[in-house]
Amino acid sequence: MNLSMSALADLPKLGQGIRNRRISSYDTTGGNSDMWRLKPGETAKIGEITGAGVIKHIWMTTTEANHTLRGLVLRMYWDQEETPSVLCPLGDFFGLGHGKGAYLSSMPLQAFMLGLNCWFAMPFGNGALITVTNETENEVPLYFYIDYIEQDHGADSEQYGRFHACWRRERVVRKTIEEGPNRTGTVQRLNKDGADNYTMLEAEGKGHYVGCVLHLDTNEPGWWGEGDDMIFVDGESWPPSLHGTGTEDYFCGAWNYN
């Protein structure tokens, strides 16, 4: 996403072979009931696109009641694939954990309580399909925009990666059991090989890792954030290519966010 002054300078340039499109939940009767109502267990195809293009922006909103943000499940398919490249609860996809509305500000994701925006570019060469499944026991409203461009030329999968997102949850996180002094002489649990790490992502093939959103809840009195972030690349063994210093440090904070 280009946010520099050159972006303004490029505004007069005319695109070649590109057409802007939008799919939305607008009221086709001309009224103001601009939502789809999803029954319990229903899967709605909210976006079916043929040909080649790039999804540029997705906006959605719904209710916070009855755990709807966790109970609506989002799936995205590229290029006629049978297994979704995106499989995630709706709220978590937009960065909201525990099924609750909140404020979140970042370049690719924003949430204004229940106003949810995603700006990740999502290219496809032979069609795209986006579905939402209502796994709650209640009928729920869903409002949405899917903004995309059509292209005359295909989005070559060798040059343009396909967007992927997954969701994981674990009730009890494993702990390392070996104890000993750290460099300051404090006795604590030591992590010497990463064998008991909580795995946030396990992916195969070529691609870019673009980030994650982490939400947790704990009933322990101690600070949970001392676990180091580790990224193992291309099947490598210990030590990982990227080894950080703590959870809050990975998310650009420090000192328990104080």
Protein backbone atom coordinates (compact mmCIF):
# COMPACT_ATOMS: atom_id res chain seq x y z
CA MET A 1 0.00 0.00 0.00
CA ASN A 2 1.63 3.24 -1.16
CA LEU A 3 0.99 6.04 1.32
CA SER A 4 3.70 8.38 0.08
CA MET A 5 3.29 11.65 -1.84
CA SER A 6 3.93 9.72 -5.05
CA ALA A 7 0.53 8.09 -4.57
CA LEU A 8 -1.10 11.50 -5.07
CA ALA A 9 1.12 12.19 -8.06
CA ASP A 10 -0.01 8.92 -9.65
CA LEU A 11 -3.73 9.68 -9.35
CA PRO A 12 -4.05 11.18 -12.86
CA LYS A 13 -2.58 8.06 -14.50
CA LEU A 14 -5.14 6.03 -16.42
CA GLY A 15 -5.18 2.30 -15.83
CA GLN A 16 -5.03 0.00 -18.84
CA GLY A 17 -7.18 -3.13 -18.95
CA ILE A 18 -8.49 -2.56 -15.40
CA ARG A 19 -12.08 -2.10 -14.25
CA ASN A 20 -13.21 -1.38 -10.69
CA ARG A 21 -16.03 -3.51 -9.33
CA ARG A 22 -17.95 -3.89 -6.08
CA ILE A 23 -20.12 -6.59 -4.57
CA SER A 24 -22.20 -5.48 -1.59
CA SER A 25 -25.20 -6.38 0.53
CA TYR A 26 -27.25 -3.41 -0.71
CA ASP A 27 -31.05 -3.66 -0.76
CA THR A 28 -31.92 -4.65 -4.34
CA THR A 29 -35.52 -3.46 -3.83
CA GLY A 30 -34.29 0.12 -3.53
CA GLY A 31 -35.00 0.23 0.20
CA ASN A 32 -32.62 0.67 3.11
CA SER A 33 -32.45 -2.89 4.41
CA ASP A 34 -28.86 -3.19 3.20
CA MET A 35 -28.08 -6.50 4.83
CA TRP A 36 -28.19 -10.21 4.26
CA ARG A 37 -29.85 -12.27 6.99
CA LEU A 38 -28.08 -15.57 7.59
CA LYS A 39 -30.09 -18.37 9.16
CA PRO A 40 -28.44 -20.80 11.61
CA GLY A 41 -26.28 -23.25 9.68
CA GLU A 42 -26.55 -21.30 6.43
CA THR A 43 -23.54 -20.74 4.17
CA ALA A 44 -23.89 -17.62 2.02
CA LYS A 45 -21.80 -17.00 -1.09
CA ILE A 46 -21.23 -13.30 -0.61
CA GLY A 47 -18.68 -12.94 -3.40
CA GLU A 48 -18.45 -14.93 -6.65
CA ILE A 49 -16.04 -13.48 -9.20
CA THR A 50 -14.98 -14.91 -12.56
CA GLY A 51 -11.80 -14.24 -14.49
CA ALA A 52 -8.70 -12.52 -13.16
CA GLY A 53 -8.38 -9.62 -10.75
CA VAL A 54 -7.41 -8.40 -7.31
CA ILE A 55 -9.61 -7.86 -4.26
CA LYS A 56 -8.47 -4.52 -2.84
CA HIS A 57 -10.75 -3.91 0.14
CA ILE A 58 -13.31 -5.76 2.25
CA TRP A 59 -15.65 -4.04 4.72
CA MET A 60 -18.09 -5.89 6.95
CA THR A 61 -20.23 -5.36 10.01
CA THR A 62 -22.66 -7.43 12.02
CA THR A 63 -23.98 -7.65 15.57
CA GLU A 64 -21.85 -8.37 18.63
CA ALA A 65 -24.67 -10.31 20.33
CA ASN A 66 -24.67 -14.09 20.78
CA HIS A 67 -20.94 -14.48 19.98
CA THR A 68 -21.62 -13.62 16.35
CA LEU A 69 -18.07 -12.38 15.64
CA ARG A 70 -16.77 -15.83 16.55
CA GLY A 71 -19.76 -17.77 15.21
CA LEU A 72 -19.63 -16.43 11.64
CA VAL A 73 -16.93 -18.29 9.71
CA LEU A 74 -15.24 -16.71 6.69
CA ARG A 75 -13.82 -18.76 3.81
CA MET A 76 -12.04 -17.61 0.65
CA TYR A 77 -11.17 -19.69 -2.40
CA TRP A 78 -8.89 -18.71 -5.29
CA ASP A 79 -8.65 -20.14 -8.81
CA GLN A 80 -11.33 -22.83 -8.44
CA GLU A 81 -9.56 -24.53 -5.52
CA GLU A 82 -11.59 -26.93 -3.39
CA THR A 83 -9.88 -26.22 -0.05
CA PRO A 84 -10.18 -22.62 1.20
CA SER A 85 -7.06 -20.48 1.43
CA VAL A 86 -8.77 -18.46 4.17
CA LEU A 87 -10.63 -20.19 7.00
CA CYS A 88 -11.23 -17.99 10.02
CA PRO A 89 -13.98 -16.66 12.31
CA LEU A 90 -15.16 -13.31 11.03
CA GLY A 91 -14.08 -11.20 13.99
CA ASP A 92 -10.67 -12.84 14.30
CA PHE A 93 -9.97 -12.31 10.60
CA PHE A 94 -10.35 -8.56 11.13
CA GLY A 95 -8.22 -8.64 14.29
CA LEU A 96 -10.93 -8.89 16.97
CA GLY A 97 -10.51 -11.63 19.56
CA HIS A 98 -12.90 -13.29 22.01
CA GLY A 99 -15.90 -12.32 19.87
CA LYS A 100 -15.88 -8.70 21.05
CA GLY A 101 -15.83 -5.41 19.18
CA ALA A 102 -12.80 -3.18 19.75
CA TYR A 103 -10.66 -0.48 18.16
CA LEU A 104 -7.71 -1.67 16.07
CA SER A 105 -5.52 0.44 13.81
CA SER A 106 -2.93 -0.93 11.39
CA MET A 107 -2.10 -0.54 7.74
CA PRO A 108 -3.81 -3.74 6.49
CA LEU A 109 -6.56 -4.09 9.13
CA GLN A 110 -8.79 -1.63 10.94
CA ALA A 111 -11.68 -2.15 13.32
CA PHE A 112 -13.88 0.65 14.62
CA MET A 113 -15.72 -1.50 17.16
CA LEU A 114 -17.91 -3.35 14.64
CA GLY A 115 -16.82 -1.52 11.48
CA LEU A 116 -14.33 -4.02 10.02
CA ASN A 117 -11.89 -3.28 7.19
CA CYS A 118 -9.26 -5.36 5.40
CA TRP A 119 -6.89 -3.78 2.85
CA PHE A 120 -4.75 -6.79 1.97
CA ALA A 121 -4.44 -7.24 -1.80
CA MET A 122 -5.82 -10.64 -2.81
CA PRO A 123 -5.00 -11.55 -6.42
CA PHE A 124 -6.59 -14.38 -8.39
CA GLY A 125 -6.17 -15.63 -11.93
CA ASN A 126 -9.23 -17.81 -12.49
CA GLY A 127 -12.05 -16.76 -10.22
CA ALA A 128 -12.60 -16.06 -6.52
CA LEU A 129 -15.26 -17.21 -4.06
CA ILE A 130 -15.96 -15.79 -0.59
CA THR A 131 -18.46 -17.46 1.75
CA VAL A 132 -19.72 -16.83 5.28
CA THR A 133 -21.21 -19.64 7.38
CA ASN A 134 -23.47 -18.92 10.34
CA GLU A 135 -22.47 -21.41 13.04
CA THR A 136 -24.54 -19.68 15.73
CA GLU A 137 -28.03 -20.69 16.82
CA ASN A 138 -29.51 -17.34 15.78
CA GLU A 139 -30.33 -15.52 12.57
CA VAL A 140 -27.77 -12.75 12.16
CA PRO A 141 -27.45 -9.69 9.90
CA LEU A 142 -24.40 -9.24 7.69
CA TYR A 143 -23.45 -6.06 5.84
CA PHE A 144 -20.51 -6.13 3.44
CA TYR A 145 -18.52 -4.53 0.63
CA ILE A 146 -16.05 -6.45 -1.54
CA ASP A 147 -14.10 -4.00 -3.71
CA TYR A 148 -11.97 -5.46 -6.48
CA ILE A 149 -10.51 -4.81 -9.89
CA GLU A 150 -10.94 -6.90 -13.01
CA GLN A 151 -7.85 -7.37 -15.15
CA ASP A 152 -7.52 -8.41 -18.77
CA HIS A 153 -4.32 -10.24 -17.91
CA GLY A 154 -4.06 -13.03 -15.38
CA ALA A 155 -2.44 -12.81 -11.95
CA ASP A 156 0.36 -15.31 -12.49
CA SER A 157 0.68 -17.46 -9.37
CA GLU A 158 4.45 -17.63 -9.85
CA GLN A 159 4.72 -13.86 -9.62
CA TYR A 160 1.75 -13.03 -7.38
CA GLY A 161 1.22 -15.10 -4.26
CA ARG A 162 -2.26 -16.06 -3.11
CA PHE A 163 -3.53 -14.65 0.18
CA HIS A 164 -3.88 -17.16 3.03
CA ALA A 165 -5.15 -16.82 6.60
CA CYS A 166 -5.85 -19.40 9.29
CA TRP A 167 -7.10 -19.43 12.87
CA ARG A 168 -5.84 -21.55 15.75
CA ARG A 169 -6.98 -21.91 19.34
CA GLU A 170 -5.64 -23.95 22.24
CA ARG A 171 -7.12 -24.05 25.71
CA VAL A 172 -4.04 -25.22 27.59
CA VAL A 173 -0.66 -24.08 26.31
CA ARG A 174 2.24 -26.43 26.98
CA LYS A 175 5.10 -25.36 29.23
CA THR A 176 8.75 -26.31 29.17
CA ILE A 177 9.66 -28.40 32.21
CA GLU A 178 13.43 -27.98 32.51
CA GLU A 179 14.36 -25.41 35.12
CA GLY A 180 17.59 -23.56 35.73
CA PRO A 181 19.19 -20.14 36.11
CA ASN A 182 19.06 -17.60 33.29
CA ARG A 183 21.82 -15.08 32.59
CA THR A 184 20.79 -12.96 35.58
CA GLY A 185 20.83 -15.96 37.90
CA THR A 186 17.05 -16.20 38.18
CA VAL A 187 15.69 -19.74 38.32
CA GLN A 188 12.93 -20.19 35.75
CA ARG A 189 11.73 -22.52 33.05
CA LEU A 190 14.18 -22.68 30.16
CA ASN A 191 13.36 -23.08 26.49
CA LYS A 192 16.38 -24.60 24.76
CA ASP A 193 14.86 -26.12 21.63
CA GLY A 194 11.36 -24.74 21.02
CA ALA A 195 9.86 -28.21 21.18
CA ASP A 196 6.97 -27.12 23.41
CA ASN A 197 6.25 -23.82 21.69
CA TYR A 198 2.71 -22.88 20.83
CA THR A 199 2.51 -23.05 17.03
CA MET A 200 0.73 -20.06 15.49
CA LEU A 201 1.38 -20.95 11.86
CA GLU A 202 2.62 -24.01 10.00
CA ALA A 203 2.79 -23.41 6.25
CA GLU A 204 4.37 -25.16 3.27
CA GLY A 205 5.52 -23.92 -0.13
CA LYS A 206 6.64 -20.48 -1.24
CA GLY A 207 5.30 -17.24 0.17
CA HIS A 208 5.61 -14.26 2.50
CA TYR A 209 4.63 -14.27 6.16
CA VAL A 210 2.84 -10.95 6.67
CA GLY A 211 1.89 -11.08 10.34
CA CYS A 212 -0.48 -12.35 12.99
CA VAL A 213 -2.98 -11.25 15.60
CA LEU A 214 -2.78 -12.83 19.06
CA HIS A 215 -5.49 -12.83 21.73
CA LEU A 216 -5.30 -14.76 24.98
CA ASP A 217 -6.94 -15.16 28.34
CA THR A 218 -5.23 -16.49 31.44
CA ASN A 219 -6.15 -17.25 35.03
CA GLU A 220 -2.53 -17.36 36.21
CA PRO A 221 -1.21 -14.44 38.26
CA GLY A 222 2.15 -14.24 36.49
CA TRP A 223 3.09 -12.27 33.38
CA TRP A 224 2.47 -14.40 30.31
CA GLY A 225 4.59 -12.49 27.82
CA GLU A 226 8.10 -13.84 28.40
CA GLY A 227 7.81 -16.55 25.76
CA ASP A 228 10.16 -15.71 22.88
CA ASP A 229 8.82 -15.46 19.34
CA MET A 230 10.52 -17.88 16.93
CA ILE A 231 10.16 -18.33 13.19
CA PHE A 232 11.60 -21.47 11.60
CA VAL A 233 12.03 -21.13 7.82
CA ASP A 234 12.06 -23.89 5.17
CA GLY A 235 12.04 -26.79 7.63
CA GLU A 236 15.15 -25.70 9.50
CA SER A 237 16.03 -27.12 12.90
CA TRP A 238 17.11 -25.25 16.03
CA PRO A 239 18.08 -22.42 16.16
CA PRO A 240 15.43 -20.61 14.10
CA SER A 241 16.25 -17.93 11.54
CA LEU A 242 14.31 -15.39 13.61
CA HIS A 243 14.42 -15.56 17.41
CA GLY A 244 12.96 -12.69 19.40
CA THR A 245 13.03 -11.64 23.04
CA GLY A 246 9.43 -11.82 24.23
CA THR A 247 5.80 -11.61 23.23
CA GLU A 248 5.28 -7.91 23.90
CA ASP A 249 8.56 -7.13 22.12
CA TYR A 250 7.35 -8.94 19.00
CA PHE A 251 4.22 -6.77 18.99
CA CYS A 252 6.34 -3.60 19.23
CA GLY A 253 5.77 -3.03 22.95
CA ALA A 254 8.04 -3.24 25.99
CA TRP A 255 8.02 -3.74 29.74
CA ASN A 256 4.64 -5.44 29.93
CA TYR A 257 3.17 -2.62 27.77
CA ASN A 258 3.79 -0.13 30.58
